[in-house]
Every structure is written in C-alpha cells, then in structure tokens.
Protein backbone atom coordinates (compact mmCIF):
# COMPACT_ATOMS: atom_id res chain seq x y z
CA MET A 1 46.64 41.15 78.52
CA THR A 2 49.28 38.88 77.15
CA ARG A 3 49.05 35.71 75.02
CA SER A 4 47.85 32.40 76.63
CA ARG A 5 48.19 29.00 75.07
CA LEU A 6 45.74 27.69 77.53
CA VAL A 7 42.71 29.84 76.53
CA LEU A 8 41.98 28.47 73.47
CA PRO A 9 41.97 24.58 74.81
CA THR A 10 39.82 25.81 77.70
CA TYR A 11 37.39 27.15 75.62
CA VAL A 12 37.20 24.18 73.31
CA ALA A 13 36.98 22.04 76.40
CA ALA A 14 34.17 23.93 77.71
CA GLU A 15 32.40 24.12 74.43
CA GLY A 16 32.65 20.48 73.77
CA LEU A 17 31.49 19.40 77.02
CA SER A 18 28.31 21.69 76.78
CA LEU A 19 27.77 20.48 73.21
CA PHE A 20 28.18 16.73 74.03
CA GLY A 21 25.73 17.23 76.88
CA ASN A 22 22.98 19.02 74.98
CA SER A 23 23.21 16.52 72.11
CA ALA A 24 23.08 13.41 74.51
CA ILE A 25 20.02 14.94 76.24
CA ASN A 26 18.07 15.24 72.91
CA VAL A 27 18.11 11.41 72.79
CA VAL A 28 17.85 10.91 76.58
CA LEU A 29 14.83 13.11 77.22
CA PRO A 30 12.33 11.76 74.28
CA TRP A 31 13.53 7.91 75.52
CA LEU A 32 12.42 8.90 79.17
CA VAL A 33 9.20 10.15 78.35
CA LEU A 34 8.37 7.38 76.33
CA ALA A 35 9.54 5.33 79.03
CA ARG A 36 7.29 6.77 81.40
CA THR A 37 4.43 7.41 79.56
CA GLY A 38 4.02 5.07 76.72
CA ASP A 39 2.89 8.06 74.67
CA ALA A 40 4.54 9.41 71.39
CA SER A 41 2.20 12.47 71.68
CA ALA A 42 3.56 13.10 75.24
CA ALA A 43 7.18 13.08 73.82
CA ALA A 44 5.86 15.66 71.21
CA ILE A 45 4.50 18.02 73.93
CA VAL A 46 7.23 18.05 76.12
CA ALA A 47 9.61 18.82 72.84
CA ALA A 48 7.22 21.78 71.89
CA CYS A 49 6.96 23.32 75.00
CA ALA A 50 10.91 23.18 75.66
CA GLY A 51 11.12 24.64 71.84
CA VAL A 52 8.79 27.64 72.82
CA VAL A 53 10.85 28.37 75.98
CA GLN A 54 14.09 28.07 74.02
CA VAL A 55 13.03 30.54 71.48
CA GLY A 56 12.23 33.36 74.04
CA ALA A 57 15.42 32.60 76.05
CA THR A 58 17.64 33.19 73.14
CA PHE A 59 15.94 36.18 71.99
CA ALA A 60 16.54 37.59 75.71
CA ILE A 61 20.14 36.13 76.42
CA GLY A 62 21.64 38.42 73.63
CA ARG A 63 20.78 41.62 75.34
CA LEU A 64 21.95 39.92 78.70
CA VAL A 65 25.11 38.83 77.46
CA ASP A 66 25.67 42.46 76.10
CA LEU A 67 24.77 43.84 79.78
CA PHE A 68 26.58 41.44 81.82
CA GLY A 69 29.70 39.56 79.69
CA ALA A 70 29.66 36.31 77.64
CA ARG A 71 31.62 34.42 80.35
CA ARG A 72 29.27 35.11 83.24
CA LEU A 73 26.22 34.35 81.16
CA ALA A 74 27.67 31.03 79.62
CA VAL A 75 28.45 29.63 83.27
CA ILE A 76 25.04 30.79 84.69
CA ALA A 77 23.48 29.01 81.72
CA ASP A 78 25.58 25.53 81.99
CA VAL A 79 24.82 25.79 86.01
CA GLY A 80 21.00 26.34 85.36
CA SER A 81 21.34 23.16 82.54
CA ALA A 82 23.08 21.05 85.00
CA ALA A 83 20.62 21.91 88.01
CA SER A 84 17.51 21.31 85.87
CA VAL A 85 18.77 17.90 84.23
CA ALA A 86 19.84 16.70 87.91
CA ALA A 87 16.29 17.51 89.10
CA LEU A 88 14.95 15.57 86.46
CA ALA A 89 16.72 12.84 87.31
CA LEU A 90 16.21 13.02 91.12
CA VAL A 91 12.52 13.36 90.71
CA GLY A 92 12.67 10.35 88.39
CA ILE A 93 14.23 8.05 90.95
CA ALA A 94 12.01 9.34 93.45
CA GLY A 95 9.10 8.26 91.23
CA GLY A 96 7.46 11.49 91.01
CA LEU A 97 7.80 12.02 87.13
CA SER A 98 4.24 12.89 85.75
CA LEU A 99 4.05 14.67 82.70
CA PRO A 100 3.56 18.20 84.02
CA VAL A 101 6.72 17.71 86.03
CA MET A 102 8.65 16.38 83.04
CA ILE A 103 7.50 19.54 81.09
CA ALA A 104 8.18 22.06 83.51
CA LEU A 105 11.89 20.48 84.00
CA ALA A 106 12.23 20.23 80.19
CA ALA A 107 11.38 23.78 79.75
CA ALA A 108 13.98 24.94 82.44
CA GLY A 109 16.77 22.86 80.65
CA ALA A 110 15.67 24.60 77.53
CA LEU A 111 15.62 28.06 79.10
CA PHE A 112 19.70 27.77 79.27
CA ASP A 113 20.77 25.36 76.24
CA ILE A 114 20.92 27.84 73.41
CA PRO A 115 21.67 30.67 75.32
CA GLY A 116 24.55 29.10 76.86
CA MET A 117 25.73 28.27 73.33
CA THR A 118 25.03 31.69 72.12
CA ALA A 119 27.18 33.46 75.08
CA ARG A 120 30.16 31.57 74.20
CA GLN A 121 29.86 31.97 70.60
CA THR A 122 30.20 35.64 71.68
CA LEU A 123 33.31 35.10 73.36
CA MET A 124 34.82 33.59 70.35
CA PRO A 125 36.87 36.75 68.94
CA ARG A 126 38.24 37.63 72.46
CA VAL A 127 39.47 34.15 72.73
CA ALA A 128 40.96 34.41 69.33
CA GLU A 129 42.75 37.87 70.49
CA ARG A 130 44.05 36.25 73.85
CA SER A 131 45.68 33.20 72.17
CA GLY A 132 46.81 34.65 69.31
CA VAL A 133 45.22 32.19 66.75
CA ALA A 134 43.39 33.47 63.75
CA LEU A 135 39.53 33.96 64.25
CA ASP A 136 39.22 31.71 61.31
CA THR A 137 40.90 28.79 62.97
CA VAL A 138 39.22 29.44 66.15
CA ALA A 139 35.80 29.25 64.34
CA SER A 140 36.91 26.06 62.44
CA VAL A 141 38.00 24.16 65.83
CA ARG A 142 34.87 25.31 67.17
CA GLN A 143 32.54 23.86 64.40
CA GLY A 144 34.73 20.61 64.43
CA VAL A 145 33.91 20.11 68.09
CA PHE A 146 30.46 20.65 67.18
CA GLY A 147 30.62 17.63 64.67
CA LEU A 148 32.30 15.64 67.17
CA SER A 149 29.69 16.18 69.66
CA LEU A 150 27.14 15.30 67.49
CA PHE A 151 28.56 12.30 66.39
CA THR A 152 29.57 10.83 69.69
CA GLY A 153 26.85 12.23 72.03
CA PRO A 154 23.75 10.65 70.62
CA ALA A 155 25.59 7.41 70.08
CA LEU A 156 26.85 7.20 73.58
CA ALA A 157 23.58 8.05 74.96
CA GLY A 158 21.94 5.28 72.84
CA VAL A 159 24.15 2.56 74.30
CA LEU A 160 24.12 3.56 77.81
CA LEU A 161 20.11 3.89 77.51
CA GLY A 162 20.42 0.10 76.40
CA VAL A 163 22.24 -0.83 79.86
CA PHE A 164 20.90 2.03 82.58
CA ASP A 165 17.61 3.55 83.37
CA PRO A 166 17.05 7.10 81.54
CA GLU A 167 17.05 8.65 84.93
CA ARG A 168 20.70 7.34 85.54
CA VAL A 169 21.76 8.37 82.01
CA LEU A 170 20.75 11.68 83.01
CA TRP A 171 23.55 12.23 85.05
CA LEU A 172 26.11 12.00 82.43
CA THR A 173 24.16 15.06 80.62
CA ALA A 174 24.21 17.16 84.18
CA ALA A 175 27.78 16.27 84.79
CA CYS A 176 28.81 17.36 81.43
CA SER A 177 26.82 20.72 81.86
CA ALA A 178 28.52 21.31 85.16
CA LEU A 179 32.05 20.63 83.99
CA ALA A 180 31.55 23.03 81.10
CA ALA A 181 30.51 25.94 83.66
CA LEU A 182 33.57 24.99 85.86
CA VAL A 183 36.01 25.07 82.69
CA THR A 184 34.48 28.24 81.47
CA LEU A 185 35.39 29.93 84.47
CA GLY A 186 38.92 29.30 83.52
CA ILE A 187 38.37 31.07 80.13
CA ARG A 188 40.52 34.50 80.61
CA VAL A 189 39.98 37.22 77.74
CA PRO A 190 40.61 40.71 77.25
CA PRO A 191 38.00 42.95 78.80
CA VAL A 192 36.03 45.39 76.73
CA MET A 193 37.96 48.79 75.54
CA GLY A 194 35.25 50.71 74.21
CA GLY A 195 32.09 50.08 71.68
CA ARG A 196 29.40 51.77 74.31
CA GLU A 197 28.04 54.13 71.76
CA ALA A 198 26.43 51.53 69.64
CA GLU A 199 22.74 51.18 70.61
CA PRO A 200 22.14 47.47 72.36
CA GLY A 201 19.24 45.28 72.42
CA VAL A 202 17.26 43.65 69.70
CA ARG A 203 16.24 46.75 67.90
CA GLY A 204 19.84 47.99 67.95
CA GLY A 205 20.97 44.47 66.77
CA TRP A 206 18.36 44.52 64.27
CA ARG A 207 19.53 47.99 62.74
CA ALA A 208 23.20 46.67 62.77
CA LEU A 209 22.30 43.64 60.69
CA ARG A 210 19.95 45.39 58.34
CA TRP A 211 22.48 48.07 57.20
CA THR A 212 24.90 45.54 56.45
CA PRO A 213 24.46 43.91 53.22
CA VAL A 214 26.82 40.83 53.97
CA LEU A 215 25.03 40.19 57.08
CA VAL A 216 21.70 40.29 55.70
CA LYS A 217 22.86 37.45 53.28
CA LEU A 218 24.01 35.33 56.04
CA PHE A 219 21.16 35.48 58.03
CA SER A 220 18.91 34.71 55.36
CA VAL A 221 20.99 31.32 54.64
CA ALA A 222 20.81 30.78 58.40
CA THR A 223 17.18 31.03 58.45
CA VAL A 224 16.07 29.27 55.52
CA SER A 225 18.89 26.50 56.05
CA ALA A 226 17.25 25.79 59.67
CA GLY A 227 13.47 25.88 58.08
CA MET A 228 14.85 23.06 55.48
CA SER A 229 17.27 21.36 58.12
CA ALA A 230 14.24 20.53 60.18
CA PRO A 231 11.89 18.65 57.38
CA LEU A 232 14.93 16.98 56.30
CA LEU A 233 15.87 15.51 59.48
CA GLN A 234 12.76 15.01 61.33
CA VAL A 235 10.32 14.21 58.04
CA LEU A 236 12.16 13.50 55.20
CA LEU A 237 14.91 10.88 56.39
CA PRO A 238 12.98 9.05 59.02
CA ALA A 239 9.72 8.75 56.79
CA HIS A 240 12.44 7.42 54.08
CA PHE A 241 14.05 4.69 55.87
CA ALA A 242 11.02 3.76 57.90
CA ALA A 243 9.26 2.83 54.70
CA SER A 244 12.22 0.38 54.05
CA GLY A 245 12.00 -0.96 57.55
CA ARG A 246 16.01 0.05 58.31
CA PRO A 247 15.62 2.44 61.24
CA ASP A 248 19.63 1.48 61.50
CA LEU A 249 20.36 2.96 58.29
CA LEU A 250 18.75 6.26 59.70
CA GLY A 251 21.19 6.11 62.16
CA PHE A 252 23.93 5.77 59.70
CA THR A 253 22.90 8.63 57.81
CA MET A 254 22.95 10.78 60.90
CA SER A 255 26.38 9.70 61.70
CA ALA A 256 27.64 10.70 58.11
CA LEU A 257 26.09 14.03 58.57
CA ALA A 258 28.29 14.52 61.60
CA VAL A 259 31.19 13.23 59.91
CA GLY A 260 30.56 15.65 57.07
CA VAL A 261 30.47 18.60 59.47
CA ILE A 262 33.84 17.76 61.01
CA ALA A 263 35.27 17.41 57.46
CA GLY A 264 33.98 20.86 56.55
CA SER A 265 35.36 22.39 59.54
CA ALA A 266 38.63 21.35 58.48
CA GLY A 267 38.06 22.05 55.09
CA TYR A 268 37.44 25.81 56.17
CA ALA A 269 40.51 26.19 57.91
CA VAL A 270 42.07 25.48 54.71
CA LEU A 271 39.88 27.42 51.98
CA ALA A 272 39.57 30.52 54.47
CA LYS A 273 43.50 30.80 53.94
CA VAL A 274 42.71 31.48 50.40
CA SER A 275 39.35 33.13 50.16
CA ARG A 276 36.33 33.29 52.60
CA ARG A 277 34.49 33.83 49.58
CA LEU A 278 35.82 30.62 47.93
CA ALA A 279 34.63 28.72 51.16
CA TRP A 280 31.48 30.40 50.90
CA THR A 281 30.84 29.56 47.33
CA VAL A 282 32.24 25.85 47.82
CA ALA A 283 29.49 25.36 50.66
CA VAL A 284 26.76 26.72 48.54
CA ALA A 285 27.53 24.19 45.85
CA ALA A 286 27.77 21.44 48.18
CA THR A 287 24.39 21.95 49.56
CA THR A 288 22.99 22.06 46.42
CA ALA A 289 24.62 18.98 45.38
CA GLY A 290 23.95 17.21 48.59
CA LEU A 291 20.22 17.97 48.51
CA VAL A 292 19.86 16.60 44.98
CA LEU A 293 21.43 13.30 46.25
CA ILE A 294 19.19 13.01 49.09
CA ALA A 295 16.18 13.98 46.71
CA THR A 296 16.77 10.99 44.92
CA LEU A 297 15.80 8.89 47.89
CA GLU A 298 17.60 6.13 46.35
CA GLY A 299 18.20 3.32 49.01
CA PHE A 300 21.09 4.23 51.66
CA TRP A 301 24.50 5.14 49.67
CA LEU A 302 22.99 7.91 47.59
CA VAL A 303 21.32 9.32 50.40
CA GLY A 304 24.11 8.73 52.85
CA LEU A 305 26.74 10.51 50.41
CA GLY A 306 24.30 13.42 50.32
CA ALA A 307 24.13 13.64 53.98
CA VAL A 308 28.12 13.66 53.82
CA VAL A 309 28.12 16.47 51.47
CA VAL A 310 25.37 18.43 53.36
CA GLY A 311 27.53 18.18 56.54
CA VAL A 312 30.57 19.57 54.78
CA SER A 313 28.55 22.49 53.58
CA SER A 314 27.60 23.05 57.17
CA GLY A 315 30.79 22.75 58.33
CA ILE A 316 32.02 25.45 56.46
CA VAL A 317 29.07 27.87 56.51
CA SER A 318 28.99 27.92 60.31
CA PRO A 319 32.34 29.15 60.69
CA VAL A 320 31.86 31.82 58.00
CA PHE A 321 28.73 33.00 59.74
CA SER A 322 30.33 33.18 63.24
CA VAL A 323 33.57 35.06 62.11
CA VAL A 324 32.04 37.64 59.91
CA VAL A 325 29.36 38.48 62.41
CA ALA A 326 32.11 38.78 65.21
CA GLU A 327 34.07 41.39 62.70
CA ARG A 328 31.16 43.36 61.51
CA VAL A 329 29.05 43.93 64.70
CA PRO A 330 30.37 46.23 67.19
CA ALA A 331 31.13 44.97 70.72
CA ALA A 332 27.89 46.33 72.41
CA GLN A 333 25.45 44.64 69.95
CA LEU A 334 27.39 41.35 69.33
CA GLY A 335 25.17 39.26 71.91
CA SER A 336 21.96 40.80 70.44
CA VAL A 337 22.77 40.05 67.04
CA MET A 338 23.93 36.33 67.65
CA GLY A 339 20.81 35.91 70.00
CA MET A 340 18.53 37.06 67.21
CA MET A 341 20.11 35.00 64.50
CA ASN A 342 19.75 32.10 66.43
CA ALA A 343 16.65 33.03 67.73
CA ALA A 344 15.21 33.20 64.27
CA SER A 345 16.63 29.94 63.11
CA LEU A 346 14.91 28.18 66.20
CA VAL A 347 11.73 29.63 64.86
CA SER A 348 12.06 28.92 61.22
CA GLY A 349 12.57 25.06 62.08
CA PRO A 350 8.85 24.82 63.22
CA LEU A 351 7.63 26.59 60.29
CA GLY A 352 9.22 24.35 57.88
CA LEU A 353 8.09 21.19 59.51
CA GLY A 354 4.52 22.73 59.32
CA VAL A 355 4.87 23.35 55.57
CA ALA A 356 6.63 19.85 55.23
CA GLY A 357 3.61 18.49 56.75
CA VAL A 358 1.25 19.83 54.38
CA VAL A 359 3.46 19.08 51.28
CA VAL A 360 3.68 15.34 52.40
CA ALA A 361 0.02 15.11 53.23
CA ASN A 362 -0.67 16.30 49.55
CA GLY A 363 2.17 15.13 47.26
CA GLY A 364 4.20 12.64 49.36
CA LEU A 365 7.89 12.32 50.08
CA PRO A 366 9.42 13.04 46.49
CA VAL A 367 7.55 16.21 46.16
CA LEU A 368 8.80 17.32 49.65
CA ALA A 369 12.66 16.53 48.73
CA TRP A 370 12.66 18.13 45.35
CA GLY A 371 10.61 21.11 47.10
CA VAL A 372 13.24 21.59 49.67
CA VAL A 373 16.04 21.43 46.60
CA ALA A 374 13.92 24.10 44.68
CA VAL A 375 13.69 26.46 47.71
CA TRP A 376 17.51 25.98 48.48
CA ILE A 377 18.70 26.84 44.69
CA VAL A 378 16.55 30.34 44.52
CA VAL A 379 18.08 30.90 48.12
CA GLY A 380 21.68 29.80 47.15
CA LEU A 381 21.81 31.76 43.82
CA ALA A 382 20.76 34.94 45.64
CA CYS A 383 23.13 34.55 48.32
CA ALA A 384 26.24 33.39 46.14
CA THR A 385 26.18 36.25 44.13
CA GLY A 386 26.32 40.21 44.61
CA PRO A 387 28.98 42.63 45.58
CA ALA A 388 27.89 42.17 49.18
CA LEU A 389 30.26 38.84 49.20
CA ARG A 390 33.13 41.10 48.97
CA ASP A 391 32.57 42.20 52.67
CA LEU A 392 33.68 38.47 53.51
CA GLU A 393 37.07 39.47 52.60
CA ALA A 394 37.26 42.93 53.94
CA PRO A 395 36.33 43.27 57.63
CA GLN A 396 35.77 46.75 58.81
CA GLU A 397 37.26 47.85 62.16
CA VAL A 398 34.89 47.03 65.23
CA SER A 399 35.36 48.22 68.38
CA ALA A 400 36.43 46.07 71.62
CA ARG A 401 34.54 42.82 72.37
CA ALA A 402 31.97 42.37 75.16
CA HIS A 403 32.88 42.54 78.79
CA ASP A 404 32.85 39.95 81.32
C-alpha cells in the first residue's frame, strides 16, 4: 500500500472528534442527572454503574479488536456511543428520564467510550506506517489532541449548559461521535500480513506482557498513576478549593493540567528524537516535582503550577506507553494488551478513591496529598531505573499489525 498524506490528518480528526465528545459528556451527564433528580447521590449511582460497564467492555474489546479489526470496532463504538447519547436526549425531551432510564442509557454509552479509544489506539502503528510519519510523532500528535479535547470539551459544554437545557447539549456529543465514526471509515491502513501464531485474548496478552520487563514497568506506572489521579482530581483538588470557596480556581487548575498535557506531548516529539529513555526520566522527575507542588496545598499558584507540571509528565508518558507497546507486542495480541492495560487503569481509579476516602477521614487532606507523593516516589524510583529501560530504545521486530 502506497503512502498517503491524508491518513494521519484523518486519524487525528477522528480521534479529536471522539475525545471531544467524550470529554463534553463527562460534564453534561452529571449535570443532566442533577437537573432531573436534584440528588447528588443519583449522579454518583449513574457514574458508578457506567464505570462498572466500562471496565468489562474494555477487557472484552481487546479480543474483539484482534478478531475483527481495529477500524471496524472503532466505527461500531462511535456509532453505538452516538446512538446511546441521542436516545438519552430524545427520552429527555419526551419527559421520560427517570433514574433507571438514565442509568441504563449511561451504561449503554459507557459500553462504547473507552473501547472505541482502545480500538483507535491499536490503529496507531499502522497509521504511522501508511503515512510515513515516525510512530513517536504520531503518538505525540495523538496525545496533543487528547490534551486539546480535555481543555476545550468541558469548557464548551459548560458554556452551552448555561444557555440550553442539558438534553439539547447532548446533541453536540452525539454529533461528535457520529462524525468520528464517519471520519474513521476514511482511515485506510495496511492489512495484516502475519502474526497469527501469537496467542490471542486476555491470557495471551498477559503472557506477552509479563515476559517483557519494559512492558511490566509501563503497566505498573499506568496502573498506579490512574490510582493516584482519581483521588487527586476528584477528591484532593475539589476539596482544597471548596475549602477556600473558589470553585473557579478548580476550573482554572483543570485547564492548567490540560495545557500541561499539550505542552508535554510537544516536548515528547523533541525528546524522543534524542532518547526515549531521556523522555521517560524527564516525565518521572516532572511527576514528582508536580505532586510535591500540589501537596503544599498553598493557595492557587503553587497548586496550579503543580498541575501544569503533572500535565507535562502525562503528555510525555502516554506517547511512550503507546509507542513501546505497539512495537513490543505481536499484532495478534495488540488489541488484547491495550484493552487489558486500559481496563486495569479503570479499575485502579475507584480503588484509589476508596483508599483516599479512608485517609481523608482519618488524617485530612495534607496526609492524602503527601501520601500520594510518597507512593509515587517509591513507584517512580522502581520504574526509572533498571536494565529493562534499555528496551525503550531498542524495539524488537514485531509482526504486521492487526487487520481490518
């Protein structure tokens, strides 16, 4: 298959539309539940049910990607997401939104969101091959799009919610998912040429992971980071700014985090040309520095600066993760490994929230903040050293990528 200048912009457009819609729905859905029930616990129930479905779907999607192809599953996921959100809007306009209905439709939408992202993530190495662009560059651009979506999606959703009813704003997210499916159909990448000898499924993916030390390190960092991010973003920062009566500063801090992600993704494109190991080391150090700044809980400026630095680290780590997994995992197992890693991160978030609740109840916010720093220092030291990191620079030959 000849090279194409259009495949990378098409891939980026599809990814951006899908991520934008997902980031917007994270604001619109809780607002809708609160507007219709007036009960914060109802919003928590809806989120919890959607989260449980999301974990199971993410485990399953990896195997389905390996069987039926990443592009096909990405299209199905976006169509399913658009349909579930549109149904939520239609039922709401008709006046039939009870709590059970909202739970059912939110769970239906969650069935597709992360699986769709996983499927497109699996497409990335073949997009690089078809476009003739380095895999590091494609990963950097993809992460930059994620940061931009994180920055603009919630902001635009919030503005629209101030003008329109939540049901009408839902059409924006449904349209984004539908357009993402349409654009994904235009992604033309090389078909699979081999790699059928690898054991597919979760078991095969786990075996591929555990026998590759560098992947074990990446898996550990991704899982622990997700377990720390949930308490940081959903407990520590909201409680800190709520205590000062400044919810606006919480919004600015989240925006600062997104700006950091965008900057980090650009930084990775530069650092990767020198050394991926250097990029990894910078990311680990940046995370430590950012968490220390946040742990001071000193007003806005130090905490906001810490959020930027943590965002920069995230913007570097995610491309490293995507690139090394894509290079080290055989084609027949790539979807399974990506799905397993993403599902593990989804599971670790609620676990981290549970631990955070106990810590805050018994020791307060400062104990939680410095506890997060302590955990990261232990994990960071373990994952920033050792001979396995040489494999960040020396990719082994892998079989051709997953088929459509």
